[in-house]
Amino acid sequence: MLRRILDTQVLGSPEELKGIFLSAEENPFIRYRRLFHSYWTGRAGGVSDGEYQEMVRRLDEAIAEVAGKGKRETPFGVEVSLGEELGLTSPDALWVKDETGNVTGSHKARHLVGVMLWLEVARRLAIDSGAGWIEPRLAIASCGNAALAAAVVAKAADRPLDVFVPPDADAAVLELLERFGARLTSCPRAAAGEGDPCLRRFRQALAEGALPFTCQGSENGLTIEGGETLVWEMVSVLAREDRTIDHLVVQVGGGALASSCIQAFREAWTMGIVERLPRIHTVQTEGAFPLRRAWDLLAGRILRRSGQSDSGILEDAGRRAAAEWIHRHAPDEIVTQEICYAATHRSEFMWPWEDEPKSLARGILDDETYDWLAVVEGMLTTGGVPVVTTEPVLQRANDLARAKTPVEVDPTGSAGLAGALELGRSGALGPEDTVAVLFTGLSR
């Protein structure tokens, strides 16, 4: 598992760091540029601060020409009536980060703008060095929001893109992808339990020379940085208002969103911008929950190594108790050793879901949670739990979100709220706790 390390001494004093988060700059890729490794790579190669900002602005203007809007901070605020549905008593208990007004209607463009900035820096440095630059094809496996975001950003940067899609992909999405110039390949599923056929074809394209322009951190770790801007914006609001949150509930498919959230909160805590980390919980559907399966297996190993029983870990109450004990009492060296074991024995913890996944929340139906290890580690170290929600709760969450807020969010996008409803029902949320959820996708 690769993880970048921020050198806060290079970034500046605590006051300078806080100034990054309190900046009035609307474009997150300019406001938080000093937190991007691509920025420091460019600076080391002779790209000035002004030139990097201009690079961001050119890309943003091109994206706006294609999609009708560029990258701007998205809303993060309190939704009182939704908080009441969770049984929370404080009027500012539930916070919602609304990504539906973002480029292409979801958070996915954040990841891909971050990757494209890496490519822009790499091209600039290659040309400046005299090495030259051969434009590679970009590739992604996706059936929805990630593919749309990739197509928009690739077209804005004038880069060729291959998209590998399932045969039942939404016709409207396919039409948009073709309009943006993407080359589509339909990938039928051969048999259950063999994993995502689109991902297999995508990896074949990589072997043939394409670059992974994807929202899966396991395929391109650079995608995590762009995703972190979502939480950095949340942290900026919390810092301005001197607030904290106790729980963050994140819907998980491939896992890059949750991985980005965990990394961003961890870095904000390291920089002293937030006082403590929230408990980070994840949500998958009963149609496929490979992440909870992996968490159960790894948490069970940690409990046994620590001399504790894991007999109740497969029940919700036992899972919460195990998460709390590991967070508060498990020896650090045992947790570290077991995470290292999981990293080198992946197939013991993560493998393709045996049946073809089906759910109302189609966007989180990945056969595997590709960024699973970073996400499981984030839950273990913050006391969070993996939630599996049912179809009726997914529907109720979406109905509530659309009835009690002006946000036209889709069932995938409101799945975090479904997870929060499950946590509230089970007693995992205290009445005075503060909770944040993400509305990540616009209903089309």
Protein backbone atom coordinates (compact mmCIF):
# COMPACT_ATOMS: atom_id res chain seq x y z
CA MET A 1 0.00 0.00 0.00
CA LEU A 2 1.54 3.28 -1.15
CA ARG A 3 0.90 6.41 0.88
CA ARG A 4 2.27 9.86 0.38
CA ILE A 5 3.77 11.72 3.34
CA LEU A 6 3.36 15.48 3.70
CA ASP A 7 6.34 17.33 5.14
CA THR A 8 4.56 19.99 7.18
CA GLN A 9 7.83 21.84 7.83
CA VAL A 10 8.13 22.50 4.11
CA LEU A 11 4.49 23.53 3.92
CA GLY A 12 4.97 26.27 6.51
CA SER A 13 4.12 27.32 10.06
CA PRO A 14 0.86 26.32 11.76
CA GLU A 15 -0.50 29.77 10.93
CA GLU A 16 0.46 29.37 7.26
CA LEU A 17 -1.12 25.92 7.14
CA LYS A 18 -4.37 27.23 8.60
CA GLY A 19 -4.24 30.04 6.07
CA ILE A 20 -4.44 27.45 3.26
CA PHE A 21 -7.74 26.19 4.64
CA LEU A 22 -9.15 29.66 5.34
CA SER A 23 -8.29 31.01 1.88
CA ALA A 24 -11.10 32.59 -0.13
CA GLU A 25 -9.88 30.99 -3.38
CA GLU A 26 -12.84 29.18 -4.97
CA ASN A 27 -10.91 26.60 -7.04
CA PRO A 28 -9.84 23.80 -4.66
CA PHE A 29 -6.95 22.80 -6.91
CA ILE A 30 -5.48 26.28 -6.47
CA ARG A 31 -6.47 26.80 -2.84
CA TYR A 32 -4.90 23.50 -1.72
CA ARG A 33 -2.13 23.36 -4.35
CA ARG A 34 0.63 23.27 -1.74
CA LEU A 35 -0.83 19.99 -0.47
CA PHE A 36 -0.39 18.32 -3.87
CA HIS A 37 2.65 16.23 -4.65
CA SER A 38 2.26 17.25 -8.30
CA TYR A 39 2.79 20.86 -7.22
CA TRP A 40 6.06 20.09 -5.45
CA THR A 41 7.21 17.84 -8.29
CA GLY A 42 6.65 20.72 -10.68
CA ARG A 43 8.41 23.20 -8.41
CA ALA A 44 11.42 20.87 -8.12
CA GLY A 45 11.53 20.74 -11.93
CA GLY A 46 11.47 24.51 -12.38
CA VAL A 47 7.72 25.20 -12.61
CA SER A 48 6.99 28.39 -10.68
CA ASP A 49 4.02 28.83 -8.35
CA GLY A 50 2.42 31.19 -10.85
CA GLU A 51 2.97 28.76 -13.73
CA TYR A 52 1.36 25.92 -11.77
CA GLN A 53 -1.65 28.10 -10.97
CA GLU A 54 -1.93 29.03 -14.63
CA MET A 55 -1.80 25.32 -15.53
CA VAL A 56 -4.74 24.71 -13.18
CA ARG A 57 -6.69 27.67 -14.55
CA ARG A 58 -6.21 26.60 -18.18
CA LEU A 59 -7.46 23.10 -17.40
CA ASP A 60 -10.39 24.49 -15.41
CA GLU A 61 -11.40 26.85 -18.23
CA ALA A 62 -11.23 23.99 -20.73
CA ILE A 63 -13.39 21.79 -18.45
CA ALA A 64 -15.92 24.64 -18.20
CA GLU A 65 -16.07 24.84 -22.00
CA VAL A 66 -16.85 21.12 -22.19
CA ALA A 67 -19.10 20.67 -19.15
CA GLY A 68 -20.52 24.16 -18.60
CA LYS A 69 -18.77 24.63 -15.26
CA GLY A 70 -15.34 24.34 -13.71
CA LYS A 71 -14.15 23.20 -10.30
CA ARG A 72 -15.49 25.17 -7.33
CA GLU A 73 -16.05 24.43 -3.66
CA THR A 74 -19.30 22.51 -3.13
CA PRO A 75 -21.75 23.11 -0.24
CA PHE A 76 -21.20 21.61 3.20
CA GLY A 77 -23.70 22.48 5.88
CA VAL A 78 -26.26 21.37 8.45
CA GLU A 79 -29.52 19.64 7.52
CA VAL A 80 -31.67 19.84 10.65
CA SER A 81 -34.65 17.75 9.54
CA LEU A 82 -32.45 14.91 8.32
CA GLY A 83 -30.63 14.90 11.65
CA GLU A 84 -33.93 14.41 13.41
CA GLU A 85 -34.52 11.28 11.32
CA LEU A 86 -31.34 9.83 12.83
CA GLY A 87 -32.54 10.48 16.38
CA LEU A 88 -29.95 13.20 16.94
CA THR A 89 -30.94 15.96 19.35
CA SER A 90 -28.56 18.78 18.45
CA PRO A 91 -29.88 21.16 15.75
CA ASP A 92 -26.48 21.07 14.04
CA ALA A 93 -26.02 17.31 14.34
CA LEU A 94 -26.10 16.21 10.69
CA TRP A 95 -23.84 17.78 8.08
CA VAL A 96 -24.18 17.08 4.36
CA LYS A 97 -21.51 17.58 1.70
CA ASP A 98 -23.39 18.06 -1.57
CA GLU A 99 -21.38 16.99 -4.62
CA THR A 100 -24.31 16.88 -7.04
CA GLY A 101 -23.50 20.35 -8.38
CA ASN A 102 -19.93 19.38 -9.17
CA VAL A 103 -18.59 18.84 -12.69
CA THR A 104 -20.66 15.99 -14.31
CA GLY A 105 -22.84 15.82 -11.19
CA SER A 106 -20.56 13.84 -8.84
CA HIS A 107 -17.29 13.86 -6.91
CA LYS A 108 -15.51 11.78 -9.55
CA ALA A 109 -14.02 14.72 -11.46
CA ARG A 110 -12.03 15.65 -8.34
CA HIS A 111 -10.02 12.45 -8.61
CA LEU A 112 -9.42 12.85 -12.33
CA VAL A 113 -8.47 16.52 -12.30
CA GLY A 114 -5.80 15.55 -9.78
CA VAL A 115 -4.47 12.86 -12.13
CA MET A 116 -4.60 15.20 -15.14
CA LEU A 117 -2.56 17.81 -13.29
CA TRP A 118 0.08 15.14 -12.73
CA LEU A 119 0.08 14.45 -16.47
CA GLU A 120 0.32 18.15 -17.28
CA VAL A 121 3.31 18.54 -14.95
CA ALA A 122 4.94 15.40 -16.37
CA ARG A 123 4.49 16.63 -19.94
CA ARG A 124 5.88 20.07 -19.07
CA LEU A 125 8.96 18.58 -17.36
CA ALA A 126 9.56 16.08 -20.18
CA ILE A 127 9.43 18.83 -22.81
CA ASP A 128 11.60 21.20 -20.76
CA SER A 129 14.22 18.48 -20.32
CA GLY A 130 14.38 17.81 -24.06
CA ALA A 131 13.16 14.23 -23.61
CA GLY A 132 10.03 14.87 -25.66
CA TRP A 133 6.53 13.59 -24.99
CA ILE A 134 4.45 10.92 -26.72
CA GLU A 135 0.76 11.27 -25.85
CA PRO A 136 -0.51 7.94 -24.45
CA ARG A 137 -4.12 6.81 -24.57
CA LEU A 138 -5.97 7.02 -21.27
CA ALA A 139 -8.22 4.21 -20.03
CA ILE A 140 -10.95 3.68 -17.44
CA ALA A 141 -13.42 0.93 -16.52
CA SER A 142 -16.75 2.41 -15.42
CA CYS A 143 -20.47 2.38 -16.16
CA GLY A 144 -21.42 5.84 -14.92
CA ASN A 145 -20.18 8.92 -13.11
CA ALA A 146 -16.47 8.04 -13.19
CA ALA A 147 -16.57 7.48 -16.94
CA LEU A 148 -18.42 10.76 -17.53
CA ALA A 149 -15.89 12.66 -15.42
CA ALA A 150 -12.99 10.98 -17.21
CA ALA A 151 -14.46 11.81 -20.61
CA VAL A 152 -14.97 15.48 -19.73
CA VAL A 153 -11.50 15.97 -18.25
CA ALA A 154 -9.82 14.03 -21.07
CA LYS A 155 -11.63 16.06 -23.73
CA ALA A 156 -10.75 19.30 -21.93
CA ALA A 157 -7.08 18.30 -21.99
CA ASP A 158 -7.35 16.98 -25.58
CA ARG A 159 -6.33 13.44 -24.55
CA PRO A 160 -7.62 10.19 -26.15
CA LEU A 161 -9.70 8.02 -23.80
CA ASP A 162 -10.88 4.39 -23.85
CA VAL A 163 -13.85 3.51 -21.63
CA PHE A 164 -14.70 -0.12 -20.83
CA VAL A 165 -18.38 -0.46 -19.95
CA PRO A 166 -20.84 -3.28 -19.14
CA PRO A 167 -23.45 -4.18 -21.76
CA ASP A 168 -26.27 -2.83 -19.59
CA ALA A 169 -24.70 0.60 -19.05
CA ASP A 170 -27.20 3.46 -19.15
CA ALA A 171 -27.88 4.49 -22.75
CA ALA A 172 -27.92 8.19 -21.85
CA VAL A 173 -24.48 7.88 -20.24
CA LEU A 174 -23.12 6.06 -23.31
CA GLU A 175 -24.46 8.80 -25.57
CA LEU A 176 -22.72 11.46 -23.47
CA LEU A 177 -19.47 9.51 -23.47
CA GLU A 178 -19.48 9.32 -27.25
CA ARG A 179 -20.34 13.00 -27.49
CA PHE A 180 -17.26 13.78 -25.39
CA GLY A 181 -15.11 11.73 -27.77
CA ALA A 182 -14.49 8.61 -25.68
CA ARG A 183 -13.95 5.28 -27.43
CA LEU A 184 -16.29 2.67 -25.89
CA THR A 185 -15.79 -1.07 -25.47
CA SER A 186 -18.63 -3.24 -24.14
CA CYS A 187 -17.44 -6.02 -21.81
CA PRO A 188 -19.96 -8.84 -21.15
CA ARG A 189 -19.73 -10.82 -17.94
CA ALA A 190 -18.50 -14.39 -18.53
CA ALA A 191 -19.44 -16.02 -15.23
CA ALA A 192 -20.22 -15.10 -11.64
CA GLY A 193 -17.31 -14.93 -9.24
CA GLU A 194 -14.72 -14.04 -11.91
CA GLY A 195 -14.72 -10.34 -11.11
CA ASP A 196 -15.53 -7.31 -13.19
CA PRO A 197 -15.01 -7.97 -16.93
CA CYS A 198 -14.58 -4.25 -17.56
CA LEU A 199 -11.68 -4.16 -15.15
CA ARG A 200 -10.04 -7.15 -16.83
CA ARG A 201 -10.26 -5.47 -20.25
CA PHE A 202 -9.02 -2.21 -18.73
CA ARG A 203 -5.94 -3.97 -17.34
CA GLN A 204 -5.32 -5.49 -20.75
CA ALA A 205 -5.31 -1.97 -22.20
CA LEU A 206 -2.76 -0.92 -19.58
CA ALA A 207 -0.56 -3.85 -20.59
CA GLU A 208 -0.77 -2.55 -24.14
CA GLY A 209 0.48 0.91 -23.13
CA ALA A 210 -2.52 2.91 -21.93
CA LEU A 211 -2.35 4.99 -18.76
CA PRO A 212 -4.88 4.37 -15.93
CA PHE A 213 -7.14 7.43 -15.89
CA THR A 214 -9.29 5.99 -13.19
CA CYS A 215 -10.91 6.60 -9.81
CA GLN A 216 -9.47 3.37 -8.38
CA GLY A 217 -6.53 4.09 -6.15
CA SER A 218 -5.25 0.54 -6.52
CA GLU A 219 -4.79 1.18 -10.27
CA ASN A 220 -3.48 4.74 -9.99
CA GLY A 221 -2.54 6.06 -6.56
CA LEU A 222 -2.46 9.62 -7.91
CA THR A 223 -6.27 9.60 -8.02
CA ILE A 224 -6.44 9.82 -4.23
CA GLU A 225 -4.96 13.34 -4.05
CA GLY A 226 -7.71 14.92 -6.13
CA GLY A 227 -10.34 13.16 -4.05
CA GLU A 228 -8.88 14.63 -0.89
CA THR A 229 -10.09 18.09 -1.90
CA LEU A 230 -13.61 17.01 -0.90
CA VAL A 231 -12.62 16.61 2.76
CA TRP A 232 -10.27 19.58 2.70
CA GLU A 233 -13.27 21.71 1.79
CA MET A 234 -15.19 20.19 4.70
CA VAL A 235 -12.26 20.90 7.01
CA SER A 236 -12.15 24.52 5.79
CA VAL A 237 -15.80 25.00 6.78
CA LEU A 238 -15.29 23.31 10.15
CA ALA A 239 -12.19 25.46 10.82
CA ARG A 240 -14.02 28.68 9.95
CA GLU A 241 -16.92 27.78 12.23
CA ASP A 242 -14.78 26.15 14.96
CA ARG A 243 -16.75 22.89 14.72
CA THR A 244 -15.90 19.20 14.79
CA ILE A 245 -17.70 16.06 13.64
CA ASP A 246 -17.82 12.75 15.50
CA HIS A 247 -18.71 10.42 12.62
CA LEU A 248 -18.21 10.39 8.85
CA VAL A 249 -20.27 7.83 6.91
CA VAL A 250 -19.00 7.08 3.39
CA GLN A 251 -20.55 4.90 0.69
CA VAL A 252 -18.05 2.45 -0.82
CA GLY A 253 -17.78 0.75 -4.19
CA GLY A 254 -14.17 0.54 -5.31
CA GLY A 255 -13.11 2.47 -2.21
CA ALA A 256 -11.20 5.48 -3.61
CA LEU A 257 -13.65 8.00 -2.13
CA ALA A 258 -13.35 6.51 1.36
CA SER A 259 -9.58 6.17 0.97
CA SER A 260 -9.35 9.85 -0.02
CA CYS A 261 -11.52 10.90 2.94
CA ILE A 262 -9.42 8.92 5.40
CA GLN A 263 -6.14 10.29 4.04
CA ALA A 264 -7.40 13.88 3.98
CA PHE A 265 -8.68 13.81 7.56
CA ARG A 266 -5.47 12.15 8.71
CA GLU A 267 -3.39 14.87 7.05
CA ALA A 268 -5.60 17.67 8.41
CA TRP A 269 -5.11 16.21 11.89
CA THR A 270 -1.34 15.95 11.37
CA MET A 271 -1.28 19.61 10.31
CA GLY A 272 -3.26 20.61 13.41
CA ILE A 273 -6.26 21.86 11.44
CA VAL A 274 -8.67 19.45 13.17
CA GLU A 275 -8.35 18.45 16.82
CA ARG A 276 -9.28 14.80 16.32
CA LEU A 277 -10.30 12.31 13.69
CA PRO A 278 -13.97 11.38 13.26
CA ARG A 279 -14.98 7.73 13.41
CA ILE A 280 -15.06 6.74 9.76
CA HIS A 281 -17.79 4.24 8.85
CA THR A 282 -18.38 2.73 5.44
CA VAL A 283 -21.56 1.61 3.67
CA GLN A 284 -22.15 -1.18 1.18
CA THR A 285 -25.36 -2.90 0.10
CA GLU A 286 -26.59 -6.40 0.83
CA GLY A 287 -26.12 -7.03 -2.89
CA ALA A 288 -22.33 -7.09 -2.40
CA PHE A 289 -20.26 -6.27 0.67
CA PRO A 290 -16.69 -7.47 0.13
CA LEU A 291 -15.35 -4.69 2.36
CA ARG A 292 -17.22 -5.85 5.46
CA ARG A 293 -16.08 -9.40 4.79
CA ALA A 294 -12.46 -8.20 4.71
CA TRP A 295 -12.93 -6.09 7.86
CA ASP A 296 -14.41 -9.04 9.74
CA LEU A 297 -11.47 -11.27 8.81
CA LEU A 298 -8.78 -8.73 9.70
CA ALA A 299 -10.47 -7.53 12.88
CA GLY A 300 -10.90 -11.15 13.97
CA ARG A 301 -7.17 -11.77 13.55
CA ILE A 302 -6.33 -8.67 15.61
CA LEU A 303 -8.69 -9.73 18.41
CA ARG A 304 -7.30 -13.25 18.56
CA ARG A 305 -3.70 -12.03 18.50
CA SER A 306 -4.59 -9.70 21.39
CA GLY A 307 -6.09 -12.50 23.48
CA GLN A 308 -9.70 -11.45 22.86
CA SER A 309 -12.64 -13.49 21.64
CA ASP A 310 -14.03 -12.82 18.17
CA SER A 311 -17.12 -14.95 18.69
CA GLY A 312 -19.65 -12.12 18.22
CA ILE A 313 -17.90 -10.21 15.46
CA LEU A 314 -20.35 -11.26 12.74
CA GLU A 315 -23.25 -9.50 14.48
CA ASP A 316 -23.71 -5.72 14.39
CA ALA A 317 -23.38 -5.24 18.15
CA GLY A 318 -20.34 -7.50 18.32
CA ARG A 319 -18.79 -5.72 15.35
CA ARG A 320 -19.22 -2.33 17.06
CA ALA A 321 -17.75 -3.69 20.30
CA ALA A 322 -14.80 -5.15 18.41
CA ALA A 323 -14.21 -1.85 16.60
CA GLU A 324 -14.25 0.05 19.89
CA TRP A 325 -11.88 -2.39 21.61
CA ILE A 326 -9.40 -2.39 18.73
CA HIS A 327 -9.50 1.40 18.53
CA ARG A 328 -9.00 1.91 22.26
CA HIS A 329 -7.01 -1.09 23.48
CA ALA A 330 -5.40 -3.21 20.76
CA PRO A 331 -1.58 -3.01 20.90
CA ASP A 332 -0.29 -0.83 18.07
CA GLU A 333 2.33 -3.36 17.08
CA ILE A 334 -0.29 -6.10 16.62
CA VAL A 335 -2.52 -3.86 14.51
CA THR A 336 0.45 -2.84 12.37
CA GLN A 337 1.64 -6.43 11.96
CA GLU A 338 -1.81 -7.65 10.96
CA ILE A 339 -2.29 -4.84 8.44
CA CYS A 340 1.09 -5.76 6.94
CA TYR A 341 0.01 -9.40 6.82
CA ALA A 342 -3.20 -8.44 5.01
CA ALA A 343 -1.23 -6.34 2.53
CA THR A 344 0.90 -9.35 1.56
CA HIS A 345 -1.94 -11.91 1.65
CA ARG A 346 -4.64 -10.03 -0.23
CA SER A 347 -6.52 -13.07 -1.48
CA GLU A 348 -7.24 -14.17 2.10
CA PHE A 349 -9.24 -10.97 2.68
CA MET A 350 -10.43 -9.61 -0.65
CA TRP A 351 -11.75 -11.57 -3.62
CA PRO A 352 -14.54 -11.04 -6.20
CA TRP A 353 -18.11 -11.28 -4.93
CA GLU A 354 -19.46 -14.73 -5.81
CA ASP A 355 -22.72 -13.55 -7.40
CA GLU A 356 -23.37 -10.74 -9.85
CA PRO A 357 -24.08 -7.74 -7.59
CA LYS A 358 -27.46 -6.06 -7.85
CA SER A 359 -28.83 -3.06 -5.97
CA LEU A 360 -30.72 0.20 -6.23
CA ALA A 361 -27.37 1.85 -5.43
CA ARG A 362 -25.77 0.64 -8.62
CA GLY A 363 -22.72 2.89 -8.38
CA ILE A 364 -21.29 1.01 -5.38
CA LEU A 365 -21.71 -2.50 -6.77
CA ASP A 366 -18.04 -3.22 -7.42
CA ASP A 367 -17.16 -6.92 -7.32
CA GLU A 368 -14.18 -6.02 -5.13
CA THR A 369 -13.30 -3.05 -2.94
CA TYR A 370 -10.07 -2.24 -4.71
CA ASP A 371 -8.79 0.26 -2.12
CA TRP A 372 -9.91 -2.06 0.68
CA LEU A 373 -6.73 -2.11 2.78
CA ALA A 374 -6.49 1.66 3.24
CA VAL A 375 -10.20 1.80 4.05
CA VAL A 376 -10.12 -1.07 6.55
CA GLU A 377 -7.09 0.47 8.23
CA GLY A 378 -8.92 3.81 8.43
CA MET A 379 -11.90 2.20 10.14
CA LEU A 380 -9.74 0.20 12.55
CA THR A 381 -7.72 3.23 13.61
CA THR A 382 -10.72 5.52 14.13
CA GLY A 383 -13.20 3.06 15.65
CA GLY A 384 -15.48 2.98 12.63
CA VAL A 385 -17.46 0.00 11.38
CA PRO A 386 -18.48 -1.37 7.96
CA VAL A 387 -22.25 -1.04 7.55
CA VAL A 388 -24.29 -3.19 5.18
CA THR A 389 -27.65 -1.66 4.34
CA THR A 390 -30.80 -3.12 2.82
CA GLU A 391 -32.72 -2.07 -0.28
CA PRO A 392 -35.67 -0.63 1.73
CA VAL A 393 -33.30 1.54 3.77
CA LEU A 394 -31.51 2.71 0.62
CA GLN A 395 -34.89 3.72 -0.81
CA ARG A 396 -35.96 5.43 2.42
CA ALA A 397 -32.70 7.36 2.60
CA ASN A 398 -33.12 8.57 -0.97
CA ASP A 399 -36.73 9.53 -0.38
CA LEU A 400 -35.76 11.48 2.76
CA ALA A 401 -32.86 13.21 1.07
CA ARG A 402 -35.03 14.39 -1.82
CA ALA A 403 -38.00 15.33 0.38
CA LYS A 404 -36.13 17.21 3.10
CA THR A 405 -33.42 18.89 1.03
CA PRO A 406 -33.42 20.54 -2.41
CA VAL A 407 -30.78 18.07 -3.61
CA GLU A 408 -31.73 15.76 -6.52
CA VAL A 409 -29.42 13.00 -5.34
CA ASP A 410 -29.52 9.45 -6.72
CA PRO A 411 -29.69 6.27 -4.56
CA THR A 412 -25.94 5.69 -4.80
CA GLY A 413 -25.28 9.28 -3.83
CA SER A 414 -27.50 9.07 -0.73
CA ALA A 415 -26.22 5.65 0.37
CA GLY A 416 -24.14 7.31 3.09
CA LEU A 417 -27.37 8.59 4.62
CA ALA A 418 -28.71 5.01 4.48
CA GLY A 419 -25.65 3.92 6.45
CA ALA A 420 -26.24 6.68 8.99
CA LEU A 421 -29.86 5.54 9.38
CA GLU A 422 -28.60 2.00 10.06
CA LEU A 423 -26.11 3.31 12.63
CA GLY A 424 -28.80 5.38 14.31
CA ARG A 425 -31.19 2.43 14.45
CA SER A 426 -28.54 0.20 16.02
CA GLY A 427 -27.63 2.69 18.74
CA ALA A 428 -24.16 3.39 17.37
CA LEU A 429 -24.78 7.15 17.35
CA GLY A 430 -25.07 9.09 20.58
CA PRO A 431 -27.97 11.59 20.72
CA GLU A 432 -25.55 14.53 20.91
CA ASP A 433 -23.11 13.21 18.29
CA THR A 434 -22.40 15.09 15.09
CA VAL A 435 -22.44 13.14 11.83
CA ALA A 436 -21.38 13.97 8.27
CA VAL A 437 -22.59 12.23 5.11
CA LEU A 438 -21.80 12.79 1.45
CA PHE A 439 -24.37 13.27 -1.33
CA THR A 440 -22.15 12.18 -4.19
CA GLY A 441 -24.24 11.72 -7.34
CA LEU A 442 -26.95 13.61 -9.21
CA SER A 443 -30.07 11.75 -10.26
CA ARG A 444 -30.22 11.64 -14.07
